[in-house]
Each structure stands twice: as C-alpha cells, then as structure tokens.
Amino acid sequence: MRVNSNLLIDLMATHSMKIAELSRISGVSCKTIELIVDNINYSTSKDTIIKIARALNVDPIRLEGGKC
C-alpha cells in the first residue's frame, strides 16, 4: 500500500508534528516515516498506515489518497 506523502506532510504540519514525534506517538520507526515522506518507492503495510492514521486522528483510507 502507498501513502500519499504530500498529504502526510500536510497532516503533520497541521498537527505541528515532526517525524520523531509522529514516530513516538504512532510506534512506527523514524526511518519508515522518512521513506514515506521522501516519497521513496516504498510499500507500507496496512498496520503501519493504521498506526500513522491513528496518531494523526484521520481515517487510514485518507492517508492512501482517499476522500474520507
């Protein structure tokens, strides 16, 4: 699964979150979040997307570019 990196960056900015803080809150490694943010051709597991979405208080489908 792919995360919309631009949306992730926008959501992090909205919540005034840096990568380290998102990592701490979500339980996802900084390296994984960096790869997503840098828009590296990186497939992310469903569980990782759910963890990041919960930390940002958004629907996981939205992180994938959905309209929820």
PDB file of N, CA and C in Angstrom:
ATOM      1  N   MET A   1       0.837  -1.170   0.000  1.00  0.00           N
ATOM      2  CA  MET A   1       0.000   0.000   0.000  1.00  0.00           C
ATOM      3  C   MET A   1       0.889   1.243   0.000  1.00  0.00           C
ATOM      4  N   ARG A   2       0.397   2.262  -0.626  1.00  0.00           N
ATOM      5  CA  ARG A   2       1.160   3.511  -0.716  1.00  0.00           C
ATOM      6  C   ARG A   2       0.464   4.612   0.061  1.00  0.00           C
ATOM      7  N   VAL A   3       1.257   5.419   0.722  1.00  0.00           N
ATOM      8  CA  VAL A   3       0.746   6.578   1.451  1.00  0.00           C
ATOM      9  C   VAL A   3       0.963   7.813   0.590  1.00  0.00           C
ATOM     10  N   ASN A   4      -0.008   8.696   0.569  1.00  0.00           N
ATOM     11  CA  ASN A   4       0.124   9.966  -0.130  1.00  0.00           C
ATOM     12  C   ASN A   4       1.080  10.830   0.697  1.00  0.00           C
ATOM     13  N   SER A   5       2.320  10.939   0.267  1.00  0.00           N
ATOM     14  CA  SER A   5       3.349  11.632   1.059  1.00  0.00           C
ATOM     15  C   SER A   5       3.037  13.116   1.243  1.00  0.00           C
ATOM     16  N   ASN A   6       2.488  13.755   0.229  1.00  0.00           N
ATOM     17  CA  ASN A   6       2.143  15.177   0.362  1.00  0.00           C
ATOM     18  C   ASN A   6       1.075  15.390   1.424  1.00  0.00           C
ATOM     19  N   LEU A   7       0.087  14.495   1.442  1.00  0.00           N
ATOM     20  CA  LEU A   7      -0.957  14.582   2.451  1.00  0.00           C
ATOM     21  C   LEU A   7      -0.377  14.338   3.839  1.00  0.00           C
ATOM     22  N   LEU A   8       0.510  13.353   3.952  1.00  0.00           N
ATOM     23  CA  LEU A   8       1.139  13.077   5.249  1.00  0.00           C
ATOM     24  C   LEU A   8       1.902  14.302   5.749  1.00  0.00           C
ATOM     25  N   ILE A   9       2.643  14.933   4.882  1.00  0.00           N
ATOM     26  CA  ILE A   9       3.395  16.142   5.253  1.00  0.00           C
ATOM     27  C   ILE A   9       2.432  17.239   5.707  1.00  0.00           C
ATOM     28  N   ASP A  10       1.340  17.426   4.969  1.00  0.00           N
ATOM     29  CA  ASP A  10       0.338  18.436   5.343  1.00  0.00           C
ATOM     30  C   ASP A  10      -0.292  18.138   6.694  1.00  0.00           C
ATOM     31  N   LEU A  11      -0.630  16.870   6.931  1.00  0.00           N
ATOM     32  CA  LEU A  11      -1.239  16.489   8.205  1.00  0.00           C
ATOM     33  C   LEU A  11      -0.265  16.680   9.361  1.00  0.00           C
ATOM     34  N   MET A  12       0.986  16.342   9.129  1.00  0.00           N
ATOM     35  CA  MET A  12       1.998  16.549  10.169  1.00  0.00           C
ATOM     36  C   MET A  12       2.125  18.035  10.488  1.00  0.00           C
ATOM     37  N   ALA A  13       2.106  18.876   9.479  1.00  0.00           N
ATOM     38  CA  ALA A  13       2.196  20.323   9.688  1.00  0.00           C
ATOM     39  C   ALA A  13       0.978  20.838  10.441  1.00  0.00           C
ATOM     40  N   THR A  14      -0.198  20.342  10.086  1.00  0.00           N
ATOM     41  CA  THR A  14      -1.431  20.742  10.757  1.00  0.00           C
ATOM     42  C   THR A  14      -1.370  20.431  12.252  1.00  0.00           C
ATOM     43  N   HIS A  15      -0.755  19.289  12.584  1.00  0.00           N
ATOM     44  CA  HIS A  15      -0.636  18.869  13.978  1.00  0.00           C
ATOM     45  C   HIS A  15       0.676  19.347  14.618  1.00  0.00           C
ATOM     46  N   SER A  16       1.421  20.174  13.885  1.00  0.00           N
ATOM     47  CA  SER A  16       2.737  20.661  14.354  1.00  0.00           C
ATOM     48  C   SER A  16       3.629  19.515  14.814  1.00  0.00           C
ATOM     49  N   MET A  17       3.676  18.462  13.995  1.00  0.00           N
ATOM     50  CA  MET A  17       4.437  17.261  14.332  1.00  0.00           C
ATOM     51  C   MET A  17       5.646  17.097  13.437  1.00  0.00           C
ATOM     52  N   LYS A  18       6.742  16.772  14.045  1.00  0.00           N
ATOM     53  CA  LYS A  18       7.944  16.400  13.303  1.00  0.00           C
ATOM     54  C   LYS A  18       7.953  14.871  13.196  1.00  0.00           C
ATOM     55  N   ILE A  19       8.844  14.350  12.372  1.00  0.00           N
ATOM     56  CA  ILE A  19       8.932  12.907  12.163  1.00  0.00           C
ATOM     57  C   ILE A  19       9.163  12.170  13.474  1.00  0.00           C
ATOM     58  N   ALA A  20      10.046  12.678  14.311  1.00  0.00           N
ATOM     59  CA  ALA A  20      10.363  11.997  15.577  1.00  0.00           C
ATOM     60  C   ALA A  20       9.131  11.897  16.474  1.00  0.00           C
ATOM     61  N   GLU A  21       8.333  12.951  16.521  1.00  0.00           N
ATOM     62  CA  GLU A  21       7.139  12.923  17.363  1.00  0.00           C
ATOM     63  C   GLU A  21       6.095  11.958  16.803  1.00  0.00           C
ATOM     64  N   LEU A  22       5.905  11.977  15.487  1.00  0.00           N
ATOM     65  CA  LEU A  22       4.971  11.045  14.862  1.00  0.00           C
ATOM     66  C   LEU A  22       5.421   9.609  15.113  1.00  0.00           C
ATOM     67  N   SER A  23       6.705   9.378  15.040  1.00  0.00           N
ATOM     68  CA  SER A  23       7.257   8.055  15.309  1.00  0.00           C
ATOM     69  C   SER A  23       6.953   7.623  16.739  1.00  0.00           C
ATOM     70  N   ARG A  24       7.170   8.510  17.674  1.00  0.00           N
ATOM     71  CA  ARG A  24       6.948   8.199  19.089  1.00  0.00           C
ATOM     72  C   ARG A  24       5.476   7.894  19.352  1.00  0.00           C
ATOM     73  N   ILE A  25       4.585   8.709  18.804  1.00  0.00           N
ATOM     74  CA  ILE A  25       3.152   8.545  19.051  1.00  0.00           C
ATOM     75  C   ILE A  25       2.591   7.324  18.327  1.00  0.00           C
ATOM     76  N   SER A  26       3.047   7.092  17.106  1.00  0.00           N
ATOM     77  CA  SER A  26       2.490   6.009  16.286  1.00  0.00           C
ATOM     78  C   SER A  26       3.149   4.657  16.540  1.00  0.00           C
ATOM     79  N   GLY A  27       4.386   4.677  17.016  1.00  0.00           N
ATOM     80  CA  GLY A  27       5.115   3.420  17.171  1.00  0.00           C
ATOM     81  C   GLY A  27       5.752   2.941  15.879  1.00  0.00           C
ATOM     82  N   VAL A  28       5.762   3.795  14.863  1.00  0.00           N
ATOM     83  CA  VAL A  28       6.382   3.484  13.566  1.00  0.00           C
ATOM     84  C   VAL A  28       7.771   4.103  13.566  1.00  0.00           C
ATOM     85  N   SER A  29       8.750   3.396  13.056  1.00  0.00           N
ATOM     86  CA  SER A  29      10.129   3.886  13.098  1.00  0.00           C
ATOM     87  C   SER A  29      10.295   5.187  12.308  1.00  0.00           C
ATOM     88  N   CYS A  30      11.242   5.989  12.766  1.00  0.00           N
ATOM     89  CA  CYS A  30      11.561   7.236  12.064  1.00  0.00           C
ATOM     90  C   CYS A  30      11.956   6.947  10.622  1.00  0.00           C
ATOM     91  N   LYS A  31      12.726   5.902  10.419  1.00  0.00           N
ATOM     92  CA  LYS A  31      13.203   5.558   9.076  1.00  0.00           C
ATOM     93  C   LYS A  31      12.032   5.278   8.133  1.00  0.00           C
ATOM     94  N   THR A  32      11.045   4.532   8.614  1.00  0.00           N
ATOM     95  CA  THR A  32       9.878   4.232   7.782  1.00  0.00           C
ATOM     96  C   THR A  32       9.136   5.510   7.426  1.00  0.00           C
ATOM     97  N   ILE A  33       8.935   6.378   8.404  1.00  0.00           N
ATOM     98  CA  ILE A  33       8.235   7.635   8.144  1.00  0.00           C
ATOM     99  C   ILE A  33       9.041   8.501   7.190  1.00  0.00           C
ATOM    100  N   GLU A  34      10.362   8.533   7.352  1.00  0.00           N
ATOM    101  CA  GLU A  34      11.224   9.293   6.436  1.00  0.00           C
ATOM    102  C   GLU A  34      11.078   8.787   5.005  1.00  0.00           C
ATOM    103  N   LEU A  35      11.042   7.471   4.824  1.00  0.00           N
ATOM    104  CA  LEU A  35      10.899   6.895   3.481  1.00  0.00           C
ATOM    105  C   LEU A  35       9.561   7.298   2.858  1.00  0.00           C
ATOM    106  N   ILE A  36       8.510   7.316   3.680  1.00  0.00           N
ATOM    107  CA  ILE A  36       7.196   7.719   3.176  1.00  0.00           C
ATOM    108  C   ILE A  36       7.213   9.201   2.804  1.00  0.00           C
ATOM    109  N   VAL A  37       7.725  10.034   3.699  1.00  0.00           N
ATOM    110  CA  VAL A  37       7.759  11.485   3.476  1.00  0.00           C
ATOM    111  C   VAL A  37       8.614  11.833   2.255  1.00  0.00           C
ATOM    112  N   ASP A  38       9.726  11.139   2.091  1.00  0.00           N
ATOM    113  CA  ASP A  38      10.619  11.398   0.957  1.00  0.00           C
ATOM    114  C   ASP A  38      10.080  10.835  -0.348  1.00  0.00           C
ATOM    115  N   ASN A  39       8.898  10.199  -0.271  1.00  0.00           N
ATOM    116  CA  ASN A  39       8.222   9.653  -1.441  1.00  0.00           C
ATOM    117  C   ASN A  39       9.085   8.625  -2.175  1.00  0.00           C
ATOM    118  N   ILE A  40       9.861   7.884  -1.401  1.00  0.00           N
ATOM    119  CA  ILE A  40      10.639   6.778  -1.967  1.00  0.00           C
ATOM    120  C   ILE A  40       9.636   5.713  -2.393  1.00  0.00           C
ATOM    121  N   ASN A  41       9.929   4.990  -3.459  1.00  0.00           N
ATOM    122  CA  ASN A  41       9.035   3.923  -3.913  1.00  0.00           C
ATOM    123  C   ASN A  41       8.984   2.860  -2.824  1.00  0.00           C
ATOM    124  N   TYR A  42       8.127   3.088  -1.848  1.00  0.00           N
ATOM    125  CA  TYR A  42       8.109   2.285  -0.629  1.00  0.00           C
ATOM    126  C   TYR A  42       6.693   1.813  -0.355  1.00  0.00           C
ATOM    127  N   SER A  43       6.530   0.511  -0.279  1.00  0.00           N
ATOM    128  CA  SER A  43       5.232  -0.063   0.031  1.00  0.00           C
ATOM    129  C   SER A  43       5.097  -0.170   1.548  1.00  0.00           C
ATOM    130  N   THR A  44       4.005   0.334   2.071  1.00  0.00           N
ATOM    131  CA  THR A  44       3.774   0.392   3.503  1.00  0.00           C
ATOM    132  C   THR A  44       2.700  -0.618   3.881  1.00  0.00           C
ATOM    133  N   SER A  45       2.902  -1.309   4.992  1.00  0.00           N
ATOM    134  CA  SER A  45       1.911  -2.292   5.421  1.00  0.00           C
ATOM    135  C   SER A  45       0.643  -1.606   5.904  1.00  0.00           C
ATOM    136  N   LYS A  46      -0.438  -2.347   5.859  1.00  0.00           N
ATOM    137  CA  LYS A  46      -1.731  -1.843   6.317  1.00  0.00           C
ATOM    138  C   LYS A  46      -1.644  -1.440   7.793  1.00  0.00           C
ATOM    139  N   ASP A  47      -0.967  -2.240   8.605  1.00  0.00           N
ATOM    140  CA  ASP A  47      -0.822  -1.935  10.033  1.00  0.00           C
ATOM    141  C   ASP A  47      -0.085  -0.621  10.260  1.00  0.00           C
ATOM    142  N   THR A  48       0.948  -0.366   9.466  1.00  0.00           N
ATOM    143  CA  THR A  48       1.709   0.881   9.589  1.00  0.00           C
ATOM    144  C   THR A  48       0.832   2.074   9.238  1.00  0.00           C
ATOM    145  N   ILE A  49       0.056   1.948   8.175  1.00  0.00           N
ATOM    146  CA  ILE A  49      -0.843   3.033   7.773  1.00  0.00           C
ATOM    147  C   ILE A  49      -1.861   3.309   8.879  1.00  0.00           C
ATOM    148  N   ILE A  50      -2.383   2.256   9.472  1.00  0.00           N
ATOM    149  CA  ILE A  50      -3.357   2.419  10.556  1.00  0.00           C
ATOM    150  C   ILE A  50      -2.723   3.121  11.748  1.00  0.00           C
ATOM    151  N   LYS A  51      -1.514   2.744  12.114  1.00  0.00           N
ATOM    152  CA  LYS A  51      -0.825   3.375  13.248  1.00  0.00           C
ATOM    153  C   LYS A  51      -0.592   4.867  13.003  1.00  0.00           C
ATOM    154  N   ILE A  52      -0.138   5.201  11.808  1.00  0.00           N
ATOM    155  CA  ILE A  52       0.117   6.609  11.474  1.00  0.00           C
ATOM    156  C   ILE A  52      -1.198   7.383  11.451  1.00  0.00           C
ATOM    157  N   ALA A  53      -2.230   6.798  10.860  1.00  0.00           N
ATOM    158  CA  ALA A  53      -3.536   7.459  10.785  1.00  0.00           C
ATOM    159  C   ALA A  53      -4.090   7.735  12.182  1.00  0.00           C
ATOM    160  N   ARG A  54      -3.979   6.770  13.066  1.00  0.00           N
ATOM    161  CA  ARG A  54      -4.472   6.972  14.441  1.00  0.00           C
ATOM    162  C   ARG A  54      -3.711   8.093  15.135  1.00  0.00           C
ATOM    163  N   ALA A  55      -2.408   8.142  14.937  1.00  0.00           N
ATOM    164  CA  ALA A  55      -1.590   9.187  15.561  1.00  0.00           C
ATOM    165  C   ALA A  55      -1.982  10.571  15.059  1.00  0.00           C
ATOM    166  N   LEU A  56      -2.449  10.632  13.804  1.00  0.00           N
ATOM    167  CA  LEU A  56      -2.845  11.913  13.205  1.00  0.00           C
ATOM    168  C   LEU A  56      -4.356  12.148  13.267  1.00  0.00           C
ATOM    169  N   ASN A  57      -5.070  11.178  13.863  1.00  0.00           N
ATOM    170  CA  ASN A  57      -6.516  11.279  14.021  1.00  0.00           C
ATOM    171  C   ASN A  57      -7.244  11.442  12.676  1.00  0.00           C
ATOM    172  N   VAL A  58      -6.851  10.617  11.709  1.00  0.00           N
ATOM    173  CA  VAL A  58      -7.513  10.608  10.396  1.00  0.00           C
ATOM    174  C   VAL A  58      -7.850   9.172  10.008  1.00  0.00           C
ATOM    175  N   ASP A  59      -8.737   9.027   9.051  1.00  0.00           N
ATOM    176  CA  ASP A  59      -9.095   7.715   8.532  1.00  0.00           C
ATOM    177  C   ASP A  59      -7.914   7.169   7.717  1.00  0.00           C
ATOM    178  N   PRO A  60      -7.552   5.903   7.916  1.00  0.00           N
ATOM    179  CA  PRO A  60      -6.440   5.323   7.148  1.00  0.00           C
ATOM    180  C   PRO A  60      -6.613   5.437   5.631  1.00  0.00           C
ATOM    181  N   ILE A  61      -7.844   5.362   5.155  1.00  0.00           N
ATOM    182  CA  ILE A  61      -8.101   5.472   3.717  1.00  0.00           C
ATOM    183  C   ILE A  61      -7.655   6.838   3.206  1.00  0.00           C
ATOM    184  N   ARG A  62      -7.829   7.851   4.027  1.00  0.00           N
ATOM    185  CA  ARG A  62      -7.411   9.207   3.632  1.00  0.00           C
ATOM    186  C   ARG A  62      -5.903   9.266   3.384  1.00  0.00           C
ATOM    187  N   LEU A  63      -5.125   8.561   4.209  1.00  0.00           N
ATOM    188  CA  LEU A  63      -3.665   8.579   4.020  1.00  0.00           C
ATOM    189  C   LEU A  63      -3.249   7.971   2.686  1.00  0.00           C
ATOM    190  N   GLU A  64      -4.083   7.109   2.169  1.00  0.00           N
ATOM    191  CA  GLU A  64      -3.787   6.490   0.880  1.00  0.00           C
ATOM    192  C   GLU A  64      -4.287   7.336  -0.285  1.00  0.00           C
ATOM    193  N   GLY A  65      -4.804   8.516   0.039  1.00  0.00           N
ATOM    194  CA  GLY A  65      -5.276   9.408  -1.006  1.00  0.00           C
ATOM    195  C   GLY A  65      -6.767   9.356  -1.215  1.00  0.00           C
ATOM    196  N   GLY A  66      -7.467   8.600  -0.350  1.00  0.00           N
ATOM    197  CA  GLY A  66      -8.920   8.528  -0.433  1.00  0.00           C
ATOM    198  C   GLY A  66      -9.566   9.805   0.079  1.00  0.00           C
ATOM    199  N   LYS A  67     -10.862   9.901  -0.066  1.00  0.00           N
ATOM    200  CA  LYS A  67     -11.597  11.129   0.266  1.00  0.00           C
ATOM    201  C   LYS A  67     -12.263  11.110   1.634  1.00  0.00           C
ATOM    202  N   CYS A  68     -12.027  10.095   2.458  1.00  0.00           N
ATOM    203  CA  CYS A  68     -12.706  10.008   3.769  1.00  0.00           C
ATOM    204  C   CYS A  68     -12.337  11.156   4.676  1.00  0.00           C
TER     205      CYS A  68
END
